[in-house]
Amino acid sequence: MWSKRRCTEEAIKIFEVACQELNLNGSLAHDNEGKEYLVITAPDGAIRTYYIDLLILQHITDGWDPKRALWELRKDVIMGLETGYDQYCTSPFDLSDRDRDYMFDLATKLLEFFGQLPTY
């Protein structure tokens, strides 16, 4: 099982690569309870977040060889950002037209990005 620190570092690392490759406005945020989130901000301010749940990431990486564990972790981060079902994500009902288009394109870009990642 990977350490919490390694899970956090790998989640942030793949997020940074995705933001650079896809030209996204990404940041790391914390809530009042100290939980860490990866955040993508759309042009008009809508956000898509991914909660870095260390227990889940440790569970995902447990039992796999290092390459497969890394792939599983990356898959969880990218697919979590693609779906955007976190409590802090902007509701689809509150999106401007421009942000709605951005989020739709974001999902497509993230899926294409994931398809380019090396497999285990």
C-alpha atoms as a PDB file:
ATOM      1  CA  MET A   1       0.000   0.000   0.000  1.00  0.00           C
ATOM      2  CA  TRP A   2       1.326   3.413  -0.922  1.00  0.00           C
ATOM      3  CA  SER A   3       1.801   6.053   1.755  1.00  0.00           C
ATOM      4  CA  LYS A   4      -0.616   8.961   1.995  1.00  0.00           C
ATOM      5  CA  ARG A   5       2.180  11.305   0.996  1.00  0.00           C
ATOM      6  CA  ARG A   6       2.974   9.345  -2.165  1.00  0.00           C
ATOM      7  CA  CYS A   7      -0.712   9.160  -3.124  1.00  0.00           C
ATOM      8  CA  THR A   8      -1.055  12.925  -2.672  1.00  0.00           C
ATOM      9  CA  GLU A   9       2.122  13.668  -4.627  1.00  0.00           C
ATOM     10  CA  GLU A  10       1.119  11.421  -7.539  1.00  0.00           C
ATOM     11  CA  ALA A  11      -2.414  12.871  -7.662  1.00  0.00           C
ATOM     12  CA  ILE A  12      -1.043  16.415  -7.772  1.00  0.00           C
ATOM     13  CA  LYS A  13       1.612  15.444 -10.317  1.00  0.00           C
ATOM     14  CA  ILE A  14      -0.887  14.014 -12.847  1.00  0.00           C
ATOM     15  CA  PHE A  15      -3.140  17.033 -12.272  1.00  0.00           C
ATOM     16  CA  GLU A  16      -0.265  19.411 -13.026  1.00  0.00           C
ATOM     17  CA  VAL A  17       0.597  17.507 -16.209  1.00  0.00           C
ATOM     18  CA  ALA A  18      -3.039  17.543 -17.331  1.00  0.00           C
ATOM     19  CA  CYS A  19      -3.308  21.295 -16.673  1.00  0.00           C
ATOM     20  CA  GLN A  20      -0.125  21.992 -18.650  1.00  0.00           C
ATOM     21  CA  GLU A  21      -0.998  19.688 -21.548  1.00  0.00           C
ATOM     22  CA  LEU A  22      -4.588  20.893 -21.832  1.00  0.00           C
ATOM     23  CA  ASN A  23      -3.959  24.550 -20.935  1.00  0.00           C
ATOM     24  CA  LEU A  24      -6.299  24.470 -17.922  1.00  0.00           C
ATOM     25  CA  ASN A  25      -6.594  26.941 -15.058  1.00  0.00           C
ATOM     26  CA  GLY A  26      -5.888  24.489 -12.226  1.00  0.00           C
ATOM     27  CA  SER A  27      -5.138  24.955  -8.556  1.00  0.00           C
ATOM     28  CA  LEU A  28      -4.899  23.114  -5.255  1.00  0.00           C
ATOM     29  CA  ALA A  29      -7.413  24.130  -2.588  1.00  0.00           C
ATOM     30  CA  HIS A  30      -8.176  23.210   1.031  1.00  0.00           C
ATOM     31  CA  ASP A  31     -11.471  23.351   2.886  1.00  0.00           C
ATOM     32  CA  ASN A  32     -11.977  24.265   6.551  1.00  0.00           C
ATOM     33  CA  GLU A  33     -11.404  20.647   7.587  1.00  0.00           C
ATOM     34  CA  GLY A  34      -8.013  20.465   5.859  1.00  0.00           C
ATOM     35  CA  LYS A  35      -9.172  18.287   2.962  1.00  0.00           C
ATOM     36  CA  GLU A  36      -7.304  18.834  -0.302  1.00  0.00           C
ATOM     37  CA  TYR A  37      -8.996  19.400  -3.639  1.00  0.00           C
ATOM     38  CA  LEU A  38      -7.778  19.699  -7.194  1.00  0.00           C
ATOM     39  CA  VAL A  39      -9.723  22.544  -8.817  1.00  0.00           C
ATOM     40  CA  ILE A  40     -10.240  23.550 -12.435  1.00  0.00           C
ATOM     41  CA  THR A  41     -11.780  26.983 -12.962  1.00  0.00           C
ATOM     42  CA  ALA A  42     -13.783  27.831 -16.086  1.00  0.00           C
ATOM     43  CA  PRO A  43     -13.622  31.284 -17.762  1.00  0.00           C
ATOM     44  CA  ASP A  44     -16.710  32.665 -15.997  1.00  0.00           C
ATOM     45  CA  GLY A  45     -15.810  31.179 -12.598  1.00  0.00           C
ATOM     46  CA  ALA A  46     -17.499  27.770 -12.538  1.00  0.00           C
ATOM     47  CA  ILE A  47     -15.386  25.106 -10.870  1.00  0.00           C
ATOM     48  CA  ARG A  48     -14.811  21.388 -11.256  1.00  0.00           C
ATOM     49  CA  THR A  49     -13.184  19.737  -8.254  1.00  0.00           C
ATOM     50  CA  TYR A  50     -11.656  16.412  -7.279  1.00  0.00           C
ATOM     51  CA  TYR A  51     -11.327  15.543  -3.600  1.00  0.00           C
ATOM     52  CA  ILE A  52      -8.015  13.827  -2.854  1.00  0.00           C
ATOM     53  CA  ASP A  53      -9.447  11.015  -0.709  1.00  0.00           C
ATOM     54  CA  LEU A  54      -6.344   9.334   0.625  1.00  0.00           C
ATOM     55  CA  LEU A  55      -8.141   6.255   1.945  1.00  0.00           C
ATOM     56  CA  ILE A  56      -9.610   5.551  -1.470  1.00  0.00           C
ATOM     57  CA  LEU A  57      -6.323   6.230  -3.253  1.00  0.00           C
ATOM     58  CA  GLN A  58      -4.465   3.938  -0.869  1.00  0.00           C
ATOM     59  CA  HIS A  59      -7.090   1.254  -1.433  1.00  0.00           C
ATOM     60  CA  ILE A  60      -6.841   1.679  -5.218  1.00  0.00           C
ATOM     61  CA  THR A  61      -3.056   1.231  -5.170  1.00  0.00           C
ATOM     62  CA  ASP A  62      -3.022  -1.668  -2.706  1.00  0.00           C
ATOM     63  CA  GLY A  63      -1.916  -5.010  -4.099  1.00  0.00           C
ATOM     64  CA  TRP A  64      -0.842  -3.826  -7.545  1.00  0.00           C
ATOM     65  CA  ASP A  65       2.647  -3.685  -8.913  1.00  0.00           C
ATOM     66  CA  PRO A  66       3.977  -0.070  -8.989  1.00  0.00           C
ATOM     67  CA  LYS A  67       3.135   0.582 -12.661  1.00  0.00           C
ATOM     68  CA  ARG A  68      -0.432  -0.671 -12.366  1.00  0.00           C
ATOM     69  CA  ALA A  69      -0.930   1.182  -9.065  1.00  0.00           C
ATOM     70  CA  LEU A  70       0.194   4.435 -10.677  1.00  0.00           C
ATOM     71  CA  TRP A  71      -2.136   3.866 -13.632  1.00  0.00           C
ATOM     72  CA  GLU A  72      -5.095   3.172 -11.313  1.00  0.00           C
ATOM     73  CA  LEU A  73      -4.397   6.327  -9.304  1.00  0.00           C
ATOM     74  CA  ARG A  74      -4.101   8.441 -12.450  1.00  0.00           C
ATOM     75  CA  LYS A  75      -7.326   6.952 -13.776  1.00  0.00           C
ATOM     76  CA  ASP A  76      -9.182   7.867 -10.588  1.00  0.00           C
ATOM     77  CA  VAL A  77      -7.940  11.462 -10.641  1.00  0.00           C
ATOM     78  CA  ILE A  78      -8.622  12.104 -14.341  1.00  0.00           C
ATOM     79  CA  MET A  79     -12.013  10.370 -14.344  1.00  0.00           C
ATOM     80  CA  GLY A  80     -12.974  12.166 -11.119  1.00  0.00           C
ATOM     81  CA  LEU A  81     -12.236  15.507 -12.757  1.00  0.00           C
ATOM     82  CA  GLU A  82     -14.018  14.413 -15.929  1.00  0.00           C
ATOM     83  CA  THR A  83     -17.269  13.536 -14.148  1.00  0.00           C
ATOM     84  CA  GLY A  84     -17.126  16.353 -11.589  1.00  0.00           C
ATOM     85  CA  TYR A  85     -19.480  14.962  -8.955  1.00  0.00           C
ATOM     86  CA  ASP A  86     -17.867  16.576  -5.941  1.00  0.00           C
ATOM     87  CA  GLN A  87     -19.862  18.669  -3.475  1.00  0.00           C
ATOM     88  CA  TYR A  88     -18.015  21.845  -4.423  1.00  0.00           C
ATOM     89  CA  CYS A  89     -18.466  21.574  -8.187  1.00  0.00           C
ATOM     90  CA  THR A  90     -20.626  24.247  -9.743  1.00  0.00           C
ATOM     91  CA  SER A  91     -24.106  22.883 -10.434  1.00  0.00           C
ATOM     92  CA  PRO A  92     -24.938  22.402 -14.118  1.00  0.00           C
ATOM     93  CA  PHE A  93     -27.963  24.629 -13.496  1.00  0.00           C
ATOM     94  CA  ASP A  94     -25.723  27.518 -12.420  1.00  0.00           C
ATOM     95  CA  LEU A  95     -23.363  27.486 -15.412  1.00  0.00           C
ATOM     96  CA  SER A  96     -23.176  30.326 -17.892  1.00  0.00           C
ATOM     97  CA  ASP A  97     -23.372  29.301 -21.540  1.00  0.00           C
ATOM     98  CA  ARG A  98     -19.634  29.839 -21.914  1.00  0.00           C
ATOM     99  CA  ASP A  99     -18.844  27.752 -18.813  1.00  0.00           C
ATOM    100  CA  ARG A 100     -21.231  25.014 -19.956  1.00  0.00           C
ATOM    101  CA  ASP A 101     -19.358  24.770 -23.258  1.00  0.00           C
ATOM    102  CA  TYR A 102     -16.042  24.847 -21.396  1.00  0.00           C
ATOM    103  CA  MET A 103     -17.058  22.000 -19.051  1.00  0.00           C
ATOM    104  CA  PHE A 104     -18.305  19.908 -21.963  1.00  0.00           C
ATOM    105  CA  ASP A 105     -15.018  20.446 -23.812  1.00  0.00           C
ATOM    106  CA  LEU A 106     -13.101  19.781 -20.577  1.00  0.00           C
ATOM    107  CA  ALA A 107     -14.686  16.357 -20.208  1.00  0.00           C
ATOM    108  CA  THR A 108     -13.759  15.492 -23.788  1.00  0.00           C
ATOM    109  CA  LYS A 109     -10.194  16.761 -23.366  1.00  0.00           C
ATOM    110  CA  LEU A 110      -9.701  14.810 -20.140  1.00  0.00           C
ATOM    111  CA  LEU A 111     -10.900  11.591 -21.759  1.00  0.00           C
ATOM    112  CA  GLU A 112      -8.539  12.115 -24.678  1.00  0.00           C
ATOM    113  CA  PHE A 113      -5.706  12.914 -22.242  1.00  0.00           C
ATOM    114  CA  PHE A 114      -6.396   9.733 -20.292  1.00  0.00           C
ATOM    115  CA  GLY A 115      -6.270   7.749 -23.533  1.00  0.00           C
ATOM    116  CA  GLN A 116      -2.727   9.034 -24.100  1.00  0.00           C
ATOM    117  CA  LEU A 117      -1.401   7.904 -20.711  1.00  0.00           C
ATOM    118  CA  PRO A 118       0.880   4.900 -20.779  1.00  0.00           C
ATOM    119  CA  THR A 119      -0.782   1.755 -19.519  1.00  0.00           C
ATOM    120  CA  TYR A 120       0.660  -0.675 -17.065  1.00  0.00           C
END
